[in-house]
Amino acid sequence: MKNKLAKLKYMPNNFKIIEEGDHVICAISKKIIPLENLNYWNVEKQEAYFSYVESSIKREKDNN
């Protein structure tokens, strides 16, 4: 399943695959995140982030 966007349900400590795929897209940088490297997401917003940097940027924007 190469180069197919996955659809996920983000939960507090893991995620559930709704639609099979091998990656998701970062909500901030639009970088491709292979599922095996996915470590950062927001459960409330149901968004994935490439790294802690992007998740920090999002949190800062939301707080201002």
PDB file of N, CA and C in Angstrom:
ATOM      1  N   MET A   1       0.825  -1.175   0.000  1.00  0.00           N
ATOM      2  CA  MET A   1       0.000   0.000   0.000  1.00  0.00           C
ATOM      3  C   MET A   1       0.881   1.254   0.000  1.00  0.00           C
ATOM      4  N   LYS A   2       1.702   1.401  -0.992  1.00  0.00           N
ATOM      5  CA  LYS A   2       2.622   2.532  -1.098  1.00  0.00           C
ATOM      6  C   LYS A   2       1.901   3.795  -1.543  1.00  0.00           C
ATOM      7  N   ASN A   3       2.295   4.900  -0.932  1.00  0.00           N
ATOM      8  CA  ASN A   3       1.798   6.224  -1.315  1.00  0.00           C
ATOM      9  C   ASN A   3       0.287   6.375  -1.225  1.00  0.00           C
ATOM     10  N   LYS A   4      -0.307   5.793  -0.198  1.00  0.00           N
ATOM     11  CA  LYS A   4      -1.745   5.950   0.007  1.00  0.00           C
ATOM     12  C   LYS A   4      -1.972   6.642   1.347  1.00  0.00           C
ATOM     13  N   LEU A   5      -2.763   7.683   1.304  1.00  0.00           N
ATOM     14  CA  LEU A   5      -3.106   8.438   2.506  1.00  0.00           C
ATOM     15  C   LEU A   5      -4.026   7.603   3.398  1.00  0.00           C
ATOM     16  N   ALA A   6      -3.646   7.460   4.650  1.00  0.00           N
ATOM     17  CA  ALA A   6      -4.462   6.721   5.616  1.00  0.00           C
ATOM     18  C   ALA A   6      -5.453   7.676   6.268  1.00  0.00           C
ATOM     19  N   LYS A   7      -6.567   7.138   6.691  1.00  0.00           N
ATOM     20  CA  LYS A   7      -7.548   7.908   7.464  1.00  0.00           C
ATOM     21  C   LYS A   7      -7.544   7.312   8.865  1.00  0.00           C
ATOM     22  N   LEU A   8      -7.285   8.174   9.858  1.00  0.00           N
ATOM     23  CA  LEU A   8      -7.126   7.700  11.233  1.00  0.00           C
ATOM     24  C   LEU A   8      -8.102   8.373  12.182  1.00  0.00           C
ATOM     25  N   LYS A   9      -8.367   7.690  13.275  1.00  0.00           N
ATOM     26  CA  LYS A   9      -9.083   8.253  14.419  1.00  0.00           C
ATOM     27  C   LYS A   9      -8.034   8.357  15.515  1.00  0.00           C
ATOM     28  N   TYR A  10      -7.711   9.601  15.920  1.00  0.00           N
ATOM     29  CA  TYR A  10      -6.687   9.819  16.935  1.00  0.00           C
ATOM     30  C   TYR A  10      -7.304   9.719  18.319  1.00  0.00           C
ATOM     31  N   MET A  11      -6.666   8.912  19.164  1.00  0.00           N
ATOM     32  CA  MET A  11      -7.120   8.710  20.533  1.00  0.00           C
ATOM     33  C   MET A  11      -5.986   9.128  21.476  1.00  0.00           C
ATOM     34  N   PRO A  12      -6.229   9.216  22.790  1.00  0.00           N
ATOM     35  CA  PRO A  12      -5.213   9.728  23.708  1.00  0.00           C
ATOM     36  C   PRO A  12      -3.846   9.043  23.640  1.00  0.00           C
ATOM     37  N   ASN A  13      -3.787   7.740  23.508  1.00  0.00           N
ATOM     38  CA  ASN A  13      -2.487   7.058  23.533  1.00  0.00           C
ATOM     39  C   ASN A  13      -2.174   6.269  22.275  1.00  0.00           C
ATOM     40  N   ASN A  14      -3.072   6.292  21.319  1.00  0.00           N
ATOM     41  CA  ASN A  14      -2.849   5.571  20.073  1.00  0.00           C
ATOM     42  C   ASN A  14      -3.814   6.095  19.019  1.00  0.00           C
ATOM     43  N   PHE A  15      -3.819   5.435  17.893  1.00  0.00           N
ATOM     44  CA  PHE A  15      -4.753   5.812  16.839  1.00  0.00           C
ATOM     45  C   PHE A  15      -5.336   4.550  16.219  1.00  0.00           C
ATOM     46  N   LYS A  16      -6.502   4.703  15.636  1.00  0.00           N
ATOM     47  CA  LYS A  16      -7.186   3.590  14.993  1.00  0.00           C
ATOM     48  C   LYS A  16      -7.221   3.871  13.496  1.00  0.00           C
ATOM     49  N   ILE A  17      -6.870   2.886  12.708  1.00  0.00           N
ATOM     50  CA  ILE A  17      -6.889   3.045  11.259  1.00  0.00           C
ATOM     51  C   ILE A  17      -8.315   2.838  10.766  1.00  0.00           C
ATOM     52  N   ILE A  18      -8.868   3.891  10.168  1.00  0.00           N
ATOM     53  CA  ILE A  18     -10.225   3.856   9.621  1.00  0.00           C
ATOM     54  C   ILE A  18     -10.175   3.422   8.154  1.00  0.00           C
ATOM     55  N   GLU A  19      -9.191   3.970   7.442  1.00  0.00           N
ATOM     56  CA  GLU A  19      -8.979   3.633   6.041  1.00  0.00           C
ATOM     57  C   GLU A  19      -7.499   3.334   5.851  1.00  0.00           C
ATOM     58  N   GLU A  20      -7.182   2.143   5.350  1.00  0.00           N
ATOM     59  CA  GLU A  20      -5.799   1.704   5.183  1.00  0.00           C
ATOM     60  C   GLU A  20      -4.987   2.679   4.335  1.00  0.00           C
ATOM     61  N   GLY A  21      -3.724   2.835   4.691  1.00  0.00           N
ATOM     62  CA  GLY A  21      -2.780   3.674   3.971  1.00  0.00           C
ATOM     63  C   GLY A  21      -1.436   3.572   4.656  1.00  0.00           C
ATOM     64  N   ASP A  22      -0.448   4.274   4.119  1.00  0.00           N
ATOM     65  CA  ASP A  22       0.883   4.191   4.719  1.00  0.00           C
ATOM     66  C   ASP A  22       1.373   5.506   5.303  1.00  0.00           C
ATOM     67  N   HIS A  23       0.568   6.569   5.185  1.00  0.00           N
ATOM     68  CA  HIS A  23       0.994   7.862   5.717  1.00  0.00           C
ATOM     69  C   HIS A  23      -0.201   8.781   5.976  1.00  0.00           C
ATOM     70  N   VAL A  24       0.097   9.869   6.724  1.00  0.00           N
ATOM     71  CA  VAL A  24      -0.844  10.975   6.922  1.00  0.00           C
ATOM     72  C   VAL A  24      -0.071  12.261   6.615  1.00  0.00           C
ATOM     73  N   ILE A  25      -0.768  13.382   6.604  1.00  0.00           N
ATOM     74  CA  ILE A  25      -0.157  14.673   6.298  1.00  0.00           C
ATOM     75  C   ILE A  25      -0.187  15.562   7.543  1.00  0.00           C
ATOM     76  N   CYS A  26       0.945  16.220   7.822  1.00  0.00           N
ATOM     77  CA  CYS A  26       1.031  17.142   8.957  1.00  0.00           C
ATOM     78  C   CYS A  26       0.088  18.321   8.744  1.00  0.00           C
ATOM     79  N   ALA A  27      -0.689  18.653   9.757  1.00  0.00           N
ATOM     80  CA  ALA A  27      -1.646  19.751   9.684  1.00  0.00           C
ATOM     81  C   ALA A  27      -0.966  21.117   9.576  1.00  0.00           C
ATOM     82  N   ILE A  28       0.274  21.239   9.998  1.00  0.00           N
ATOM     83  CA  ILE A  28       0.988  22.509   9.977  1.00  0.00           C
ATOM     84  C   ILE A  28       1.911  22.621   8.760  1.00  0.00           C
ATOM     85  N   SER A  29       2.836  21.689   8.623  1.00  0.00           N
ATOM     86  CA  SER A  29       3.869  21.785   7.583  1.00  0.00           C
ATOM     87  C   SER A  29       3.480  21.119   6.263  1.00  0.00           C
ATOM     88  N   LYS A  30       2.438  20.301   6.299  1.00  0.00           N
ATOM     89  CA  LYS A  30       1.985  19.532   5.126  1.00  0.00           C
ATOM     90  C   LYS A  30       2.998  18.461   4.699  1.00  0.00           C
ATOM     91  N   LYS A  31       3.926  18.129   5.602  1.00  0.00           N
ATOM     92  CA  LYS A  31       4.895  17.061   5.331  1.00  0.00           C
ATOM     93  C   LYS A  31       4.197  15.715   5.436  1.00  0.00           C
ATOM     94  N   ILE A  32       4.689  14.748   4.671  1.00  0.00           N
ATOM     95  CA  ILE A  32       4.181  13.379   4.748  1.00  0.00           C
ATOM     96  C   ILE A  32       4.769  12.713   5.987  1.00  0.00           C
ATOM     97  N   ILE A  33       3.912  12.045   6.758  1.00  0.00           N
ATOM     98  CA  ILE A  33       4.342  11.331   7.961  1.00  0.00           C
ATOM     99  C   ILE A  33       4.022   9.846   7.772  1.00  0.00           C
ATOM    100  N   PRO A  34       5.038   9.003   7.592  1.00  0.00           N
ATOM    101  CA  PRO A  34       4.772   7.562   7.528  1.00  0.00           C
ATOM    102  C   PRO A  34       4.139   7.114   8.849  1.00  0.00           C
ATOM    103  N   LEU A  35       3.173   6.221   8.774  1.00  0.00           N
ATOM    104  CA  LEU A  35       2.480   5.796  10.004  1.00  0.00           C
ATOM    105  C   LEU A  35       3.436   5.263  11.058  1.00  0.00           C
ATOM    106  N   GLU A  36       4.496   4.592  10.629  1.00  0.00           N
ATOM    107  CA  GLU A  36       5.434   4.042  11.626  1.00  0.00           C
ATOM    108  C   GLU A  36       6.210   5.142  12.353  1.00  0.00           C
ATOM    109  N   ASN A  37       6.179   6.380  11.840  1.00  0.00           N
ATOM    110  CA  ASN A  37       6.864   7.508  12.488  1.00  0.00           C
ATOM    111  C   ASN A  37       5.913   8.488  13.153  1.00  0.00           C
ATOM    112  N   LEU A  38       4.634   8.203  13.123  1.00  0.00           N
ATOM    113  CA  LEU A  38       3.638   9.112  13.685  1.00  0.00           C
ATOM    114  C   LEU A  38       3.666   9.062  15.214  1.00  0.00           C
ATOM    115  N   ASN A  39       4.057  10.179  15.822  1.00  0.00           N
ATOM    116  CA  ASN A  39       4.155  10.259  17.283  1.00  0.00           C
ATOM    117  C   ASN A  39       3.382  11.418  17.895  1.00  0.00           C
ATOM    118  N   TYR A  40       3.002  12.394  17.085  1.00  0.00           N
ATOM    119  CA  TYR A  40       2.377  13.608  17.613  1.00  0.00           C
ATOM    120  C   TYR A  40       1.050  13.856  16.916  1.00  0.00           C
ATOM    121  N   TRP A  41      -0.006  14.069  17.728  1.00  0.00           N
ATOM    122  CA  TRP A  41      -1.317  14.403  17.177  1.00  0.00           C
ATOM    123  C   TRP A  41      -2.146  15.070  18.249  1.00  0.00           C
ATOM    124  N   ASN A  42      -3.249  15.666  17.808  1.00  0.00           N
ATOM    125  CA  ASN A  42      -4.179  16.323  18.716  1.00  0.00           C
ATOM    126  C   ASN A  42      -5.504  15.572  18.640  1.00  0.00           C
ATOM    127  N   VAL A  43      -5.916  15.013  19.746  1.00  0.00           N
ATOM    128  CA  VAL A  43      -7.145  14.216  19.801  1.00  0.00           C
ATOM    129  C   VAL A  43      -8.368  15.094  19.542  1.00  0.00           C
ATOM    130  N   GLU A  44      -8.432  16.260  20.174  1.00  0.00           N
ATOM    131  CA  GLU A  44      -9.592  17.140  20.021  1.00  0.00           C
ATOM    132  C   GLU A  44      -9.754  17.633  18.590  1.00  0.00           C
ATOM    133  N   LYS A  45      -8.657  18.023  17.966  1.00  0.00           N
ATOM    134  CA  LYS A  45      -8.706  18.567  16.607  1.00  0.00           C
ATOM    135  C   LYS A  45      -8.583  17.482  15.536  1.00  0.00           C
ATOM    136  N   GLN A  46      -8.225  16.263  15.958  1.00  0.00           N
ATOM    137  CA  GLN A  46      -8.029  15.153  15.027  1.00  0.00           C
ATOM    138  C   GLN A  46      -7.037  15.537  13.928  1.00  0.00           C
ATOM    139  N   GLU A  47      -5.867  16.052  14.377  1.00  0.00           N
ATOM    140  CA  GLU A  47      -4.801  16.473  13.476  1.00  0.00           C
ATOM    141  C   GLU A  47      -3.505  15.772  13.832  1.00  0.00           C
ATOM    142  N   ALA A  48      -2.723  15.457  12.797  1.00  0.00           N
ATOM    143  CA  ALA A  48      -1.402  14.868  12.983  1.00  0.00           C
ATOM    144  C   ALA A  48      -0.347  15.952  12.805  1.00  0.00           C
ATOM    145  N   TYR A  49       0.793  15.796  13.503  1.00  0.00           N
ATOM    146  CA  TYR A  49       1.900  16.741  13.401  1.00  0.00           C
ATOM    147  C   TYR A  49       3.187  15.972  13.125  1.00  0.00           C
ATOM    148  N   PHE A  50       4.034  16.545  12.279  1.00  0.00           N
ATOM    149  CA  PHE A  50       5.280  15.891  11.880  1.00  0.00           C
ATOM    150  C   PHE A  50       6.224  15.697  13.062  1.00  0.00           C
ATOM    151  N   SER A  51       6.300  16.698  13.941  1.00  0.00           N
ATOM    152  CA  SER A  51       7.201  16.609  15.090  1.00  0.00           C
ATOM    153  C   SER A  51       6.683  17.491  16.222  1.00  0.00           C
ATOM    154  N   TYR A  52       7.412  17.506  17.318  1.00  0.00           N
ATOM    155  CA  TYR A  52       7.025  18.348  18.447  1.00  0.00           C
ATOM    156  C   TYR A  52       7.089  19.827  18.060  1.00  0.00           C
ATOM    157  N   VAL A  53       7.918  20.175  17.085  1.00  0.00           N
ATOM    158  CA  VAL A  53       8.026  21.570  16.648  1.00  0.00           C
ATOM    159  C   VAL A  53       6.690  22.039  16.078  1.00  0.00           C
ATOM    160  N   GLU A  54       6.118  21.264  15.173  1.00  0.00           N
ATOM    161  CA  GLU A  54       4.832  21.625  14.583  1.00  0.00           C
ATOM    162  C   GLU A  54       3.719  21.641  15.626  1.00  0.00           C
ATOM    163  N   SER A  55       3.748  20.683  16.544  1.00  0.00           N
ATOM    164  CA  SER A  55       2.699  20.669  17.572  1.00  0.00           C
ATOM    165  C   SER A  55       2.829  21.890  18.488  1.00  0.00           C
ATOM    166  N   SER A  56       4.053  22.344  18.743  1.00  0.00           N
ATOM    167  CA  SER A  56       4.268  23.554  19.550  1.00  0.00           C
ATOM    168  C   SER A  56       3.772  24.799  18.816  1.00  0.00           C
ATOM    169  N   ILE A  57       4.036  24.867  17.514  1.00  0.00           N
ATOM    170  CA  ILE A  57       3.570  25.994  16.701  1.00  0.00           C
ATOM    171  C   ILE A  57       2.051  26.064  16.765  1.00  0.00           C
ATOM    172  N   LYS A  58       1.396  24.937  16.603  1.00  0.00           N
ATOM    173  CA  LYS A  58      -0.068  24.889  16.627  1.00  0.00           C
ATOM    174  C   LYS A  58      -0.596  25.341  17.987  1.00  0.00           C
ATOM    175  N   ARG A  59       0.027  24.843  19.052  1.00  0.00           N
ATOM    176  CA  ARG A  59      -0.415  25.193  20.410  1.00  0.00           C
ATOM    177  C   ARG A  59      -0.254  26.699  20.646  1.00  0.00           C
ATOM    178  N   GLU A  60       0.865  27.270  20.177  1.00  0.00           N
ATOM    179  CA  GLU A  60       1.094  28.706  20.330  1.00  0.00           C
ATOM    180  C   GLU A  60       0.047  29.521  19.576  1.00  0.00           C
ATOM    181  N   LYS A  61      -0.244  29.130  18.347  1.00  0.00           N
ATOM    182  CA  LYS A  61      -1.254  29.821  17.539  1.00  0.00           C
ATOM    183  C   LYS A  61      -2.611  29.776  18.220  1.00  0.00           C
ATOM    184  N   ASP A  62      -2.963  28.610  18.758  1.00  0.00           N
ATOM    185  CA  ASP A  62      -4.251  28.438  19.408  1.00  0.00           C
ATOM    186  C   ASP A  62      -4.368  29.248  20.698  1.00  0.00           C
ATOM    187  N   ASN A  63      -3.247  29.478  21.367  1.00  0.00           N
ATOM    188  CA  ASN A  63      -3.267  30.217  22.630  1.00  0.00           C
ATOM    189  C   ASN A  63      -3.262  31.734  22.442  1.00  0.00           C
ATOM    190  N   ASN A  64      -2.961  32.184  21.239  1.00  0.00           N
ATOM    191  CA  ASN A  64      -2.900  33.648  20.985  1.00  0.00           C
ATOM    192  C   ASN A  64      -4.132  34.159  20.321  1.00  0.00           C
TER     193      ASN A  64
END
